[in-house]
PDB file of N, CA and C in Angstrom:
ATOM      1  N   UNK A   1     -40.705 -51.467 -26.032  1.00  0.00           N
ATOM      2  CA  UNK A   1     -41.333 -51.778 -24.766  1.00  0.00           C
ATOM      3  C   UNK A   1     -40.335 -52.350 -23.766  1.00  0.00           C
ATOM      4  N   UNK A   2     -39.330 -53.029 -24.275  1.00  0.00           N
ATOM      5  CA  UNK A   2     -38.331 -53.610 -23.382  1.00  0.00           C
ATOM      6  C   UNK A   2     -37.640 -52.511 -22.573  1.00  0.00           C
ATOM      7  N   UNK A   3     -37.353 -51.382 -23.215  1.00  0.00           N
ATOM      8  CA  UNK A   3     -36.706 -50.260 -22.534  1.00  0.00           C
ATOM      9  C   UNK A   3     -37.611 -49.700 -21.440  1.00  0.00           C
ATOM     10  N   UNK A   4     -38.909 -49.635 -21.699  1.00  0.00           N
ATOM     11  CA  UNK A   4     -39.861 -49.151 -20.714  1.00  0.00           C
ATOM     12  C   UNK A   4     -39.904 -50.083 -19.506  1.00  0.00           C
ATOM     13  N   UNK A   5     -39.860 -51.367 -19.751  1.00  0.00           N
ATOM     14  CA  UNK A   5     -39.844 -52.353 -18.671  1.00  0.00           C
ATOM     15  C   UNK A   5     -38.611 -52.188 -17.801  1.00  0.00           C
ATOM     16  N   UNK A   6     -37.474 -51.944 -18.432  1.00  0.00           N
ATOM     17  CA  UNK A   6     -36.237 -51.721 -17.674  1.00  0.00           C
ATOM     18  C   UNK A   6     -36.335 -50.444 -16.840  1.00  0.00           C
ATOM     19  N   UNK A   7     -36.931 -49.408 -17.417  1.00  0.00           N
ATOM     20  CA  UNK A   7     -37.085 -48.149 -16.688  1.00  0.00           C
ATOM     21  C   UNK A   7     -37.990 -48.343 -15.469  1.00  0.00           C
ATOM     22  N   UNK A   8     -39.052 -49.114 -15.616  1.00  0.00           N
ATOM     23  CA  UNK A   8     -39.963 -49.360 -14.505  1.00  0.00           C
ATOM     24  C   UNK A   8     -39.262 -50.156 -13.399  1.00  0.00           C
ATOM     25  N   UNK A   9     -38.470 -51.155 -13.784  1.00  0.00           N
ATOM     26  CA  UNK A   9     -37.714 -51.927 -12.796  1.00  0.00           C
ATOM     27  C   UNK A   9     -36.723 -51.027 -12.066  1.00  0.00           C
ATOM     28  N   UNK A  10     -36.071 -50.153 -12.815  1.00  0.00           N
ATOM     29  CA  UNK A  10     -35.097 -49.236 -12.214  1.00  0.00           C
ATOM     30  C   UNK A  10     -35.801 -48.270 -11.252  1.00  0.00           C
ATOM     31  N   UNK A  11     -36.978 -47.791 -11.636  1.00  0.00           N
ATOM     32  CA  UNK A  11     -37.736 -46.878 -10.770  1.00  0.00           C
ATOM     33  C   UNK A  11     -38.179 -47.590  -9.490  1.00  0.00           C
ATOM     34  N   UNK A  12     -38.613 -48.825  -9.601  1.00  0.00           N
ATOM     35  CA  UNK A  12     -39.026 -49.589  -8.420  1.00  0.00           C
ATOM     36  C   UNK A  12     -37.833 -49.831  -7.500  1.00  0.00           C
ATOM     37  N   UNK A  13     -36.711 -50.151  -8.105  1.00  0.00           N
ATOM     38  CA  UNK A  13     -35.493 -50.376  -7.324  1.00  0.00           C
ATOM     39  C   UNK A  13     -35.091 -49.097  -6.592  1.00  0.00           C
ATOM     40  N   UNK A  14     -35.165 -47.972  -7.286  1.00  0.00           N
ATOM     41  CA  UNK A  14     -34.807 -46.699  -6.680  1.00  0.00           C
ATOM     42  C   UNK A  14     -35.788 -46.349  -5.563  1.00  0.00           C
ATOM     43  N   UNK A  15     -37.055 -46.634  -5.740  1.00  0.00           N
ATOM     44  CA  UNK A  15     -38.048 -46.350  -4.706  1.00  0.00           C
ATOM     45  C   UNK A  15     -37.768 -47.183  -3.459  1.00  0.00           C
ATOM     46  N   UNK A  16     -37.408 -48.434  -3.649  1.00  0.00           N
ATOM     47  CA  UNK A  16     -37.068 -49.298  -2.518  1.00  0.00           C
ATOM     48  C   UNK A  16     -35.839 -48.771  -1.804  1.00  0.00           C
ATOM     49  N   UNK A  17     -34.827 -48.405  -2.563  1.00  0.00           N
ATOM     50  CA  UNK A  17     -33.585 -47.897  -1.965  1.00  0.00           C
ATOM     51  C   UNK A  17     -33.845 -46.568  -1.253  1.00  0.00           C
ATOM     52  N   UNK A  18     -34.710 -45.730  -1.799  1.00  0.00           N
ATOM     53  CA  UNK A  18     -35.017 -44.451  -1.172  1.00  0.00           C
ATOM     54  C   UNK A  18     -35.685 -44.682   0.187  1.00  0.00           C
ATOM     55  N   UNK A  19     -36.569 -45.651   0.270  1.00  0.00           N
ATOM     56  CA  UNK A  19     -37.207 -45.978   1.548  1.00  0.00           C
ATOM     57  C   UNK A  19     -36.162 -46.463   2.551  1.00  0.00           C
ATOM     58  N   UNK A  20     -35.202 -47.261   2.074  1.00  0.00           N
ATOM     59  CA  UNK A  20     -34.129 -47.732   2.949  1.00  0.00           C
ATOM     60  C   UNK A  20     -33.282 -46.567   3.455  1.00  0.00           C
ATOM     61  N   UNK A  21     -32.989 -45.624   2.580  1.00  0.00           N
ATOM     62  CA  UNK A  21     -32.188 -44.461   2.969  1.00  0.00           C
ATOM     63  C   UNK A  21     -32.943 -43.629   3.994  1.00  0.00           C
ATOM     64  N   UNK A  22     -34.241 -43.441   3.803  1.00  0.00           N
ATOM     65  CA  UNK A  22     -35.040 -42.683   4.762  1.00  0.00           C
ATOM     66  C   UNK A  22     -34.984 -43.352   6.139  1.00  0.00           C
ATOM     67  N   UNK A  23     -35.043 -44.682   6.158  1.00  0.00           N
ATOM     68  CA  UNK A  23     -34.956 -45.414   7.423  1.00  0.00           C
ATOM     69  C   UNK A  23     -33.564 -45.260   8.042  1.00  0.00           C
ATOM     70  N   UNK A  24     -32.524 -45.326   7.210  1.00  0.00           N
ATOM     71  CA  UNK A  24     -31.155 -45.142   7.695  1.00  0.00           C
ATOM     72  C   UNK A  24     -30.989 -43.751   8.312  1.00  0.00           C
ATOM     73  N   UNK A  25     -31.536 -42.742   7.648  1.00  0.00           N
ATOM     74  CA  UNK A  25     -31.404 -41.371   8.136  1.00  0.00           C
ATOM     75  C   UNK A  25     -32.056 -41.194   9.505  1.00  0.00           C
ATOM     76  N   UNK A  26     -33.101 -41.963   9.770  1.00  0.00           N
ATOM     77  CA  UNK A  26     -33.761 -41.870  11.070  1.00  0.00           C
ATOM     78  C   UNK A  26     -32.836 -42.364  12.186  1.00  0.00           C
ATOM     79  N   UNK A  27     -31.953 -43.315  11.868  1.00  0.00           N
ATOM     80  CA  UNK A  27     -31.071 -43.864  12.900  1.00  0.00           C
ATOM     81  C   UNK A  27     -29.717 -43.157  12.980  1.00  0.00           C
ATOM     82  N   UNK A  28     -29.383 -42.349  11.978  1.00  0.00           N
ATOM     83  CA  UNK A  28     -28.121 -41.604  11.989  1.00  0.00           C
ATOM     84  C   UNK A  28     -28.232 -40.463  12.995  1.00  0.00           C
ATOM     85  N   UNK A  29     -27.169 -40.221  13.738  1.00  0.00           N
ATOM     86  CA  UNK A  29     -27.142 -39.074  14.641  1.00  0.00           C
ATOM     87  C   UNK A  29     -25.958 -38.181  14.278  1.00  0.00           C
ATOM     88  N   UNK A  30     -26.220 -36.877  14.210  1.00  0.00           N
ATOM     89  CA  UNK A  30     -25.217 -35.892  13.847  1.00  0.00           C
ATOM     90  C   UNK A  30     -25.215 -34.817  14.927  1.00  0.00           C
ATOM     91  N   UNK A  31     -24.017 -34.417  15.354  1.00  0.00           N
ATOM     92  CA  UNK A  31     -23.915 -33.400  16.404  1.00  0.00           C
ATOM     93  C   UNK A  31     -23.406 -32.090  15.845  1.00  0.00           C
ATOM     94  N   UNK A  32     -23.916 -31.011  16.422  1.00  0.00           N
ATOM     95  CA  UNK A  32     -23.454 -29.664  16.100  1.00  0.00           C
ATOM     96  C   UNK A  32     -23.155 -28.952  17.403  1.00  0.00           C
ATOM     97  N   UNK A  33     -22.430 -27.865  17.300  1.00  0.00           N
ATOM     98  CA  UNK A  33     -22.082 -27.145  18.517  1.00  0.00           C
ATOM     99  C   UNK A  33     -21.990 -25.656  18.268  1.00  0.00           C
ATOM    100  N   UNK A  34     -21.971 -24.924  19.370  1.00  0.00           N
ATOM    101  CA  UNK A  34     -21.755 -23.478  19.306  1.00  0.00           C
ATOM    102  C   UNK A  34     -21.048 -23.068  20.584  1.00  0.00           C
ATOM    103  N   UNK A  35     -20.541 -21.845  20.582  1.00  0.00           N
ATOM    104  CA  UNK A  35     -19.842 -21.347  21.763  1.00  0.00           C
ATOM    105  C   UNK A  35     -18.639 -22.186  22.110  1.00  0.00           C
ATOM    106  N   UNK A  36     -17.893 -22.609  21.079  1.00  0.00           N
ATOM    107  CA  UNK A  36     -16.691 -23.433  21.264  1.00  0.00           C
ATOM    108  C   UNK A  36     -17.005 -24.698  22.060  1.00  0.00           C
ATOM    109  N   UNK A  37     -18.162 -25.283  21.788  1.00  0.00           N
ATOM    110  CA  UNK A  37     -18.527 -26.536  22.431  1.00  0.00           C
ATOM    111  C   UNK A  37     -19.311 -26.389  23.724  1.00  0.00           C
ATOM    112  N   UNK A  38     -19.628 -25.168  24.122  1.00  0.00           N
ATOM    113  CA  UNK A  38     -20.397 -24.975  25.350  1.00  0.00           C
ATOM    114  C   UNK A  38     -21.825 -25.505  25.215  1.00  0.00           C
ATOM    115  N   UNK A  39     -22.342 -25.483  23.989  1.00  0.00           N
ATOM    116  CA  UNK A  39     -23.670 -26.014  23.716  1.00  0.00           C
ATOM    117  C   UNK A  39     -23.524 -27.023  22.585  1.00  0.00           C
ATOM    118  N   UNK A  40     -24.038 -28.226  22.818  1.00  0.00           N
ATOM    119  CA  UNK A  40     -23.977 -29.276  21.812  1.00  0.00           C
ATOM    120  C   UNK A  40     -25.370 -29.836  21.576  1.00  0.00           C
ATOM    121  N   UNK A  41     -25.730 -29.969  20.306  1.00  0.00           N
ATOM    122  CA  UNK A  41     -27.034 -30.514  19.941  1.00  0.00           C
ATOM    123  C   UNK A  41     -26.808 -31.723  19.043  1.00  0.00           C
ATOM    124  N   UNK A  42     -27.614 -32.750  19.248  1.00  0.00           N
ATOM    125  CA  UNK A  42     -27.558 -33.942  18.407  1.00  0.00           C
ATOM    126  C   UNK A  42     -28.924 -34.119  17.762  1.00  0.00           C
ATOM    127  N   UNK A  43     -28.915 -34.305  16.445  1.00  0.00           N
ATOM    128  CA  UNK A  43     -30.149 -34.501  15.696  1.00  0.00           C
ATOM    129  C   UNK A  43     -30.056 -35.793  14.899  1.00  0.00           C
ATOM    130  N   UNK A  44     -31.227 -36.303  14.511  1.00  0.00           N
ATOM    131  CA  UNK A  44     -31.257 -37.464  13.628  1.00  0.00           C
ATOM    132  C   UNK A  44     -30.892 -37.003  12.221  1.00  0.00           C
ATOM    133  N   UNK A  45     -30.661 -37.954  11.343  1.00  0.00           N
ATOM    134  CA  UNK A  45     -30.382 -37.630   9.946  1.00  0.00           C
ATOM    135  C   UNK A  45     -31.537 -36.920   9.273  1.00  0.00           C
ATOM    136  N   UNK A  46     -32.695 -36.961   9.891  1.00  0.00           N
ATOM    137  CA  UNK A  46     -33.871 -36.266   9.363  1.00  0.00           C
ATOM    138  C   UNK A  46     -34.078 -34.924  10.044  1.00  0.00           C
ATOM    139  N   UNK A  47     -33.140 -34.536  10.940  1.00  0.00           N
ATOM    140  CA  UNK A  47     -33.193 -33.220  11.555  1.00  0.00           C
ATOM    141  C   UNK A  47     -33.972 -33.131  12.851  1.00  0.00           C
ATOM    142  N   UNK A  48     -34.383 -34.260  13.420  1.00  0.00           N
ATOM    143  CA  UNK A  48     -35.131 -34.238  14.683  1.00  0.00           C
ATOM    144  C   UNK A  48     -34.157 -34.141  15.847  1.00  0.00           C
ATOM    145  N   UNK A  49     -34.389 -33.195  16.748  1.00  0.00           N
ATOM    146  CA  UNK A  49     -33.516 -32.999  17.892  1.00  0.00           C
ATOM    147  C   UNK A  49     -33.591 -34.213  18.807  1.00  0.00           C
ATOM    148  N   UNK A  50     -32.420 -34.813  19.081  1.00  0.00           N
ATOM    149  CA  UNK A  50     -32.352 -35.997  19.947  1.00  0.00           C
ATOM    150  C   UNK A  50     -31.827 -35.658  21.340  1.00  0.00           C
ATOM    151  N   UNK A  51     -30.828 -34.771  21.402  1.00  0.00           N
ATOM    152  CA  UNK A  51     -30.301 -34.398  22.717  1.00  0.00           C
ATOM    153  C   UNK A  51     -29.694 -33.009  22.650  1.00  0.00           C
ATOM    154  N   UNK A  52     -29.590 -32.416  23.822  1.00  0.00           N
ATOM    155  CA  UNK A  52     -29.021 -31.089  23.961  1.00  0.00           C
ATOM    156  C   UNK A  52     -28.186 -31.091  25.232  1.00  0.00           C
ATOM    157  N   UNK A  53     -26.928 -30.681  25.123  1.00  0.00           N
ATOM    158  CA  UNK A  53     -26.043 -30.637  26.288  1.00  0.00           C
ATOM    159  C   UNK A  53     -25.544 -29.215  26.478  1.00  0.00           C
ATOM    160  N   UNK A  54     -25.630 -28.763  27.722  1.00  0.00           N
ATOM    161  CA  UNK A  54     -25.197 -27.412  28.065  1.00  0.00           C
ATOM    162  C   UNK A  54     -24.066 -27.491  29.077  1.00  0.00           C
ATOM    163  N   UNK A  55     -22.988 -26.786  28.805  1.00  0.00           N
ATOM    164  CA  UNK A  55     -21.917 -26.663  29.792  1.00  0.00           C
ATOM    165  C   UNK A  55     -22.435 -25.735  30.890  1.00  0.00           C
ATOM    166  N   UNK A  56     -22.279 -26.103  32.143  1.00  0.00           N
ATOM    167  CA  UNK A  56     -22.782 -25.242  33.228  1.00  0.00           C
ATOM    168  C   UNK A  56     -22.249 -23.809  33.163  1.00  0.00           C
ATOM    169  N   UNK A  57     -21.079 -23.616  32.565  1.00  0.00           N
ATOM    170  CA  UNK A  57     -20.511 -22.268  32.483  1.00  0.00           C
ATOM    171  C   UNK A  57     -21.356 -21.323  31.636  1.00  0.00           C
ATOM    172  N   UNK A  58     -22.177 -21.873  30.751  1.00  0.00           N
ATOM    173  CA  UNK A  58     -22.968 -21.030  29.853  1.00  0.00           C
ATOM    174  C   UNK A  58     -24.319 -20.649  30.468  1.00  0.00           C
ATOM    175  N   UNK A  59     -24.681 -21.269  31.568  1.00  0.00           N
ATOM    176  CA  UNK A  59     -25.973 -21.001  32.206  1.00  0.00           C
ATOM    177  C   UNK A  59     -25.835 -19.816  33.165  1.00  0.00           C
ATOM    178  N   UNK A  60     -26.425 -18.708  32.765  1.00  0.00           N
ATOM    179  CA  UNK A  60     -26.408 -17.484  33.574  1.00  0.00           C
ATOM    180  C   UNK A  60     -27.832 -16.948  33.605  1.00  0.00           C
ATOM    181  N   UNK A  61     -28.479 -17.043  34.752  1.00  0.00           N
ATOM    182  CA  UNK A  61     -29.888 -16.636  34.842  1.00  0.00           C
ATOM    183  C   UNK A  61     -30.102 -15.177  34.485  1.00  0.00           C
ATOM    184  N   UNK A  62     -29.045 -14.367  34.553  1.00  0.00           N
ATOM    185  CA  UNK A  62     -29.182 -12.953  34.220  1.00  0.00           C
ATOM    186  C   UNK A  62     -28.972 -12.670  32.727  1.00  0.00           C
ATOM    187  N   UNK A  63     -28.570 -13.685  31.974  1.00  0.00           N
ATOM    188  CA  UNK A  63     -28.336 -13.481  30.542  1.00  0.00           C
ATOM    189  C   UNK A  63     -28.826 -14.691  29.750  1.00  0.00           C
ATOM    190  N   UNK A  64     -30.102 -14.959  29.840  1.00  0.00           N
ATOM    191  CA  UNK A  64     -30.722 -16.092  29.156  1.00  0.00           C
ATOM    192  C   UNK A  64     -30.630 -15.929  27.633  1.00  0.00           C
ATOM    193  N   UNK A  65     -30.623 -14.706  27.150  1.00  0.00           N
ATOM    194  CA  UNK A  65     -30.579 -14.450  25.703  1.00  0.00           C
ATOM    195  C   UNK A  65     -29.376 -15.081  25.034  1.00  0.00           C
ATOM    196  N   UNK A  66     -28.214 -15.019  25.678  1.00  0.00           N
ATOM    197  CA  UNK A  66     -27.006 -15.630  25.106  1.00  0.00           C
ATOM    198  C   UNK A  66     -27.187 -17.135  25.003  1.00  0.00           C
ATOM    199  N   UNK A  67     -27.702 -17.743  26.046  1.00  0.00           N
ATOM    200  CA  UNK A  67     -27.930 -19.194  26.048  1.00  0.00           C
ATOM    201  C   UNK A  67     -28.908 -19.582  24.942  1.00  0.00           C
ATOM    202  N   UNK A  68     -29.979 -18.828  24.804  1.00  0.00           N
ATOM    203  CA  UNK A  68     -30.954 -19.110  23.750  1.00  0.00           C
ATOM    204  C   UNK A  68     -30.303 -19.033  22.376  1.00  0.00           C
ATOM    205  N   UNK A  69     -29.496 -18.018  22.143  1.00  0.00           N
ATOM    206  CA  UNK A  69     -28.806 -17.876  20.858  1.00  0.00           C
ATOM    207  C   UNK A  69     -27.851 -19.037  20.609  1.00  0.00           C
ATOM    208  N   UNK A  70     -27.143 -19.465  21.650  1.00  0.00           N
ATOM    209  CA  UNK A  70     -26.214 -20.591  21.504  1.00  0.00           C
ATOM    210  C   UNK A  70     -26.952 -21.890  21.194  1.00  0.00           C
ATOM    211  N   UNK A  71     -28.094 -22.082  21.814  1.00  0.00           N
ATOM    212  CA  UNK A  71     -28.891 -23.282  21.539  1.00  0.00           C
ATOM    213  C   UNK A  71     -29.361 -23.289  20.091  1.00  0.00           C
ATOM    214  N   UNK A  72     -29.894 -22.178  19.641  1.00  0.00           N
ATOM    215  CA  UNK A  72     -30.356 -22.078  18.250  1.00  0.00           C
ATOM    216  C   UNK A  72     -29.200 -22.351  17.290  1.00  0.00           C
ATOM    217  N   UNK A  73     -28.039 -21.767  17.559  1.00  0.00           N
ATOM    218  CA  UNK A  73     -26.880 -21.958  16.681  1.00  0.00           C
ATOM    219  C   UNK A  73     -26.427 -23.412  16.659  1.00  0.00           C
ATOM    220  N   UNK A  74     -26.414 -24.071  17.812  1.00  0.00           N
ATOM    221  CA  UNK A  74     -25.983 -25.470  17.871  1.00  0.00           C
ATOM    222  C   UNK A  74     -26.964 -26.382  17.132  1.00  0.00           C
ATOM    223  N   UNK A  75     -28.259 -26.144  17.319  1.00  0.00           N
ATOM    224  CA  UNK A  75     -29.264 -26.959  16.629  1.00  0.00           C
ATOM    225  C   UNK A  75     -29.172 -26.737  15.122  1.00  0.00           C
ATOM    226  N   UNK A  76     -29.028 -25.504  14.705  1.00  0.00           N
ATOM    227  CA  UNK A  76     -28.902 -25.216  13.273  1.00  0.00           C
ATOM    228  C   UNK A  76     -27.645 -25.847  12.681  1.00  0.00           C
ATOM    229  N   UNK A  77     -26.551 -25.847  13.430  1.00  0.00           N
ATOM    230  CA  UNK A  77     -25.313 -26.481  12.972  1.00  0.00           C
ATOM    231  C   UNK A  77     -25.528 -27.978  12.790  1.00  0.00           C
ATOM    232  N   UNK A  78     -26.164 -28.609  13.762  1.00  0.00           N
ATOM    233  CA  UNK A  78     -26.425 -30.049  13.671  1.00  0.00           C
ATOM    234  C   UNK A  78     -27.365 -30.371  12.514  1.00  0.00           C
ATOM    235  N   UNK A  79     -28.404 -29.570  12.342  1.00  0.00           N
ATOM    236  CA  UNK A  79     -29.356 -29.819  11.246  1.00  0.00           C
ATOM    237  C   UNK A  79     -28.700 -29.640   9.886  1.00  0.00           C
ATOM    238  N   UNK A  80     -27.810 -28.656   9.757  1.00  0.00           N
ATOM    239  CA  UNK A  80     -27.095 -28.460   8.489  1.00  0.00           C
ATOM    240  C   UNK A  80     -26.230 -29.679   8.179  1.00  0.00           C
ATOM    241  N   UNK A  81     -25.592 -30.219   9.204  1.00  0.00           N
ATOM    242  CA  UNK A  81     -24.774 -31.422   9.002  1.00  0.00           C
ATOM    243  C   UNK A  81     -25.650 -32.619   8.629  1.00  0.00           C
ATOM    244  N   UNK A  82     -26.829 -32.724   9.233  1.00  0.00           N
ATOM    245  CA  UNK A  82     -27.758 -33.809   8.900  1.00  0.00           C
ATOM    246  C   UNK A  82     -28.222 -33.683   7.449  1.00  0.00           C
ATOM    247  N   UNK A  83     -28.474 -32.459   7.007  1.00  0.00           N
ATOM    248  CA  UNK A  83     -28.874 -32.242   5.611  1.00  0.00           C
ATOM    249  C   UNK A  83     -27.755 -32.650   4.660  1.00  0.00           C
ATOM    250  N   UNK A  84     -26.504 -32.386   5.046  1.00  0.00           N
ATOM    251  CA  UNK A  84     -25.365 -32.806   4.229  1.00  0.00           C
ATOM    252  C   UNK A  84     -25.315 -34.328   4.103  1.00  0.00           C
ATOM    253  N   UNK A  85     -25.530 -35.021   5.216  1.00  0.00           N
ATOM    254  CA  UNK A  85     -25.534 -36.490   5.194  1.00  0.00           C
ATOM    255  C   UNK A  85     -26.653 -36.990   4.288  1.00  0.00           C
ATOM    256  N   UNK A  86     -27.826 -36.409   4.431  1.00  0.00           N
ATOM    257  CA  UNK A  86     -28.975 -36.798   3.605  1.00  0.00           C
ATOM    258  C   UNK A  86     -28.690 -36.548   2.125  1.00  0.00           C
ATOM    259  N   UNK A  87     -28.135 -35.387   1.827  1.00  0.00           N
ATOM    260  CA  UNK A  87     -27.818 -35.033   0.442  1.00  0.00           C
ATOM    261  C   UNK A  87     -26.803 -36.017  -0.155  1.00  0.00           C
ATOM    262  N   UNK A  88     -25.795 -36.400   0.637  1.00  0.00           N
ATOM    263  CA  UNK A  88     -24.782 -37.351   0.162  1.00  0.00           C
ATOM    264  C   UNK A  88     -25.415 -38.708  -0.143  1.00  0.00           C
ATOM    265  N   UNK A  89     -26.295 -39.184   0.732  1.00  0.00           N
ATOM    266  CA  UNK A  89     -26.937 -40.480   0.519  1.00  0.00           C
ATOM    267  C   UNK A  89     -27.839 -40.439  -0.714  1.00  0.00           C
ATOM    268  N   UNK A  90     -28.568 -39.354  -0.889  1.00  0.00           N
ATOM    269  CA  UNK A  90     -29.443 -39.233  -2.060  1.00  0.00           C
ATOM    270  C   UNK A  90     -28.625 -39.098  -3.345  1.00  0.00           C
ATOM    271  N   UNK A  91     -27.490 -38.400  -3.267  1.00  0.00           N
ATOM    272  CA  UNK A  91     -26.640 -38.255  -4.451  1.00  0.00           C
ATOM    273  C   UNK A  91     -26.123 -39.614  -4.894  1.00  0.00           C
ATOM    274  N   UNK A  92     -25.783 -40.468  -3.933  1.00  0.00           N
ATOM    275  CA  UNK A  92     -25.321 -41.811  -4.279  1.00  0.00           C
ATOM    276  C   UNK A  92     -26.448 -42.603  -4.941  1.00  0.00           C
ATOM    277  N   UNK A  93     -27.672 -42.402  -4.479  1.00  0.00           N
ATOM    278  CA  UNK A  93     -28.820 -43.102  -5.046  1.00  0.00           C
ATOM    279  C   UNK A  93     -29.098 -42.659  -6.476  1.00  0.00           C
ATOM    280  N   UNK A  94     -28.993 -41.364  -6.732  1.00  0.00           N
ATOM    281  CA  UNK A  94     -29.360 -40.827  -8.045  1.00  0.00           C
ATOM    282  C   UNK A  94     -28.172 -40.692  -8.991  1.00  0.00           C
ATOM    283  N   UNK A  95     -27.006 -41.164  -8.583  1.00  0.00           N
ATOM    284  CA  UNK A  95     -25.817 -41.071  -9.447  1.00  0.00           C
ATOM    285  C   UNK A  95     -26.100 -41.736 -10.792  1.00  0.00           C
ATOM    286  N   UNK A  96     -25.811 -41.021 -11.836  1.00  0.00           N
ATOM    287  CA  UNK A  96     -25.993 -41.557 -13.177  1.00  0.00           C
ATOM    288  C   UNK A  96     -27.372 -41.328 -13.766  1.00  0.00           C
ATOM    289  N   UNK A  97     -28.307 -40.850 -12.963  1.00  0.00           N
ATOM    290  CA  UNK A  97     -29.627 -40.561 -13.501  1.00  0.00           C
ATOM    291  C   UNK A  97     -29.639 -39.161 -14.108  1.00  0.00           C
ATOM    292  N   UNK A  98     -30.243 -39.009 -15.254  1.00  0.00           N
ATOM    293  CA  UNK A  98     -30.277 -37.691 -15.904  1.00  0.00           C
ATOM    294  C   UNK A  98     -31.360 -36.792 -15.313  1.00  0.00           C
ATOM    295  N   UNK A  99     -31.164 -36.356 -14.068  1.00  0.00           N
ATOM    296  CA  UNK A  99     -32.139 -35.472 -13.426  1.00  0.00           C
ATOM    297  C   UNK A  99     -31.827 -34.018 -13.757  1.00  0.00           C
ATOM    298  N   UNK A 100     -32.862 -33.193 -13.908  1.00  0.00           N
ATOM    299  CA  UNK A 100     -32.631 -31.778 -14.190  1.00  0.00           C
ATOM    300  C   UNK A 100     -31.953 -31.093 -13.003  1.00  0.00           C
ATOM    301  N   UNK A 101     -31.174 -30.038 -13.264  1.00  0.00           N
ATOM    302  CA  UNK A 101     -30.523 -29.308 -12.173  1.00  0.00           C
ATOM    303  C   UNK A 101     -31.543 -28.803 -11.162  1.00  0.00           C
ATOM    304  N   UNK A 102     -31.219 -28.950  -9.883  1.00  0.00           N
ATOM    305  CA  UNK A 102     -32.097 -28.481  -8.822  1.00  0.00           C
ATOM    306  C   UNK A 102     -33.218 -29.428  -8.465  1.00  0.00           C
ATOM    307  N   UNK A 103     -33.316 -30.536  -9.160  1.00  0.00           N
ATOM    308  CA  UNK A 103     -34.367 -31.535  -8.882  1.00  0.00           C
ATOM    309  C   UNK A 103     -33.999 -32.250  -7.603  1.00  0.00           C
ATOM    310  N   UNK A 104     -34.934 -32.255  -6.638  1.00  0.00           N
ATOM    311  CA  UNK A 104     -34.647 -32.848  -5.337  1.00  0.00           C
ATOM    312  C   UNK A 104     -35.506 -34.069  -5.090  1.00  0.00           C
ATOM    313  N   UNK A 105     -34.916 -35.088  -4.523  1.00  0.00           N
ATOM    314  CA  UNK A 105     -35.630 -36.279  -4.087  1.00  0.00           C
ATOM    315  C   UNK A 105     -35.480 -36.366  -2.580  1.00  0.00           C
ATOM    316  N   UNK A 106     -36.383 -36.911  -1.837  1.00  0.00           N
ATOM    317  CA  UNK A 106     -37.715 -37.309  -2.264  1.00  0.00           C
ATOM    318  C   UNK A 106     -38.573 -36.088  -2.540  1.00  0.00           C
ATOM    319  N   UNK A 107     -39.640 -36.306  -3.249  1.00  0.00           N
ATOM    320  CA  UNK A 107     -40.482 -35.212  -3.732  1.00  0.00           C
ATOM    321  C   UNK A 107     -41.061 -34.439  -2.623  1.00  0.00           C
TER     322      UNK A 107
END
């Protein structure tokens, strides 16, 4: 039973730390770009778009499709970087735990 008690304490500790990491991720900002920096997007560590900056050179009313593609690419770049940050923080939390391959936290 002593081992079970230790496991429960460890699980509670991990749950508390996971909540802290989720809060940290909300305040982290990660930027992505496309078009050699003509479009820049900043997202939170949770992937929420915070800002979008467009270089005036990329704004062409006759070719909105290019601008739309650049925006999508910049946001996706920023979100991928945010996912990397999140994955790194979660990996630090679960280091040493015998989790099955592909098991993702939080559930």
